[in-house]
């Protein structure tokens, strides 16, 4: 498995966009089965309210907010 990190860069430099890459997803469902909290519902769909990585990046305020709902 190859780790993927998401991020962003804020700049005023003109950057030429790259060519979109082909999907590396195959016909398996390994990621769906491997997700410990069931946040990956189907191919290309992640429920951010269940995703531990997303919640840990947002912090405790976010976690408390979704607990109230």
Protein backbone atom coordinates (compact mmCIF):
# COMPACT_ATOMS: atom_id res chain seq x y z
CA UNK A 1 0.00 0.00 0.00
CA UNK A 2 1.34 3.44 -0.92
CA UNK A 3 0.62 6.20 1.62
CA UNK A 4 -1.02 9.33 0.28
CA UNK A 5 -0.76 12.71 1.93
CA UNK A 6 -3.11 15.54 1.09
CA UNK A 7 -2.19 19.18 1.44
CA UNK A 8 -2.32 22.57 -0.17
CA UNK A 9 0.04 25.41 -0.99
CA UNK A 10 -1.07 29.02 -1.05
CA UNK A 11 0.90 31.13 -3.49
CA UNK A 12 0.55 33.89 -6.05
CA UNK A 13 2.83 32.12 -8.55
CA UNK A 14 1.28 30.95 -11.82
CA UNK A 15 1.60 27.17 -11.92
CA UNK A 16 0.82 25.11 -14.99
CA UNK A 17 -1.59 22.28 -14.05
CA UNK A 18 -0.39 18.74 -14.58
CA UNK A 19 -2.19 16.08 -16.57
CA UNK A 20 -4.68 14.14 -14.41
CA UNK A 21 -3.46 10.66 -13.52
CA UNK A 22 -5.44 7.51 -14.20
CA UNK A 23 -7.14 5.89 -11.23
CA UNK A 24 -5.11 3.14 -9.59
CA UNK A 25 -8.24 1.52 -8.16
CA UNK A 26 -8.89 -1.94 -9.44
CA UNK A 27 -11.80 -4.27 -9.07
CA UNK A 28 -11.06 -5.22 -5.45
CA UNK A 29 -12.63 -3.81 -2.30
CA UNK A 30 -9.60 -4.12 0.01
CA UNK A 31 -9.74 -0.50 1.19
CA UNK A 32 -13.45 -0.78 2.04
CA UNK A 33 -12.82 -3.95 4.07
CA UNK A 34 -9.67 -2.53 5.72
CA UNK A 35 -11.21 0.71 7.00
CA UNK A 36 -11.49 0.17 10.79
CA UNK A 37 -14.55 2.41 11.23
CA UNK A 38 -16.41 1.75 7.99
CA UNK A 39 -15.87 5.28 6.66
CA UNK A 40 -15.26 4.03 3.12
CA UNK A 41 -18.76 3.13 1.97
CA UNK A 42 -18.13 2.42 -1.70
CA UNK A 43 -15.59 3.12 -4.40
CA UNK A 44 -14.55 6.82 -4.30
CA UNK A 45 -16.80 7.66 -1.31
CA UNK A 46 -15.53 8.39 2.21
CA UNK A 47 -17.82 9.50 5.04
CA UNK A 48 -15.66 12.19 6.65
CA UNK A 49 -17.74 12.14 9.85
CA UNK A 50 -16.53 8.58 10.47
CA UNK A 51 -12.98 8.90 9.10
CA UNK A 52 -10.47 8.78 11.97
CA UNK A 53 -7.80 10.56 9.94
CA UNK A 54 -10.16 13.43 9.05
CA UNK A 55 -11.46 13.74 12.59
CA UNK A 56 -7.95 13.74 14.10
CA UNK A 57 -6.89 16.53 11.71
CA UNK A 58 -9.94 18.63 12.59
CA UNK A 59 -9.34 18.31 16.33
CA UNK A 60 -11.52 17.95 19.40
CA UNK A 61 -13.84 20.86 18.58
CA UNK A 62 -14.94 19.04 15.44
CA UNK A 63 -15.36 15.75 17.32
CA UNK A 64 -17.50 17.42 19.99
CA UNK A 65 -19.61 19.07 17.30
CA UNK A 66 -20.48 15.80 15.55
CA UNK A 67 -21.17 14.07 18.89
CA UNK A 68 -23.88 16.66 19.62
CA UNK A 69 -25.66 15.94 16.31
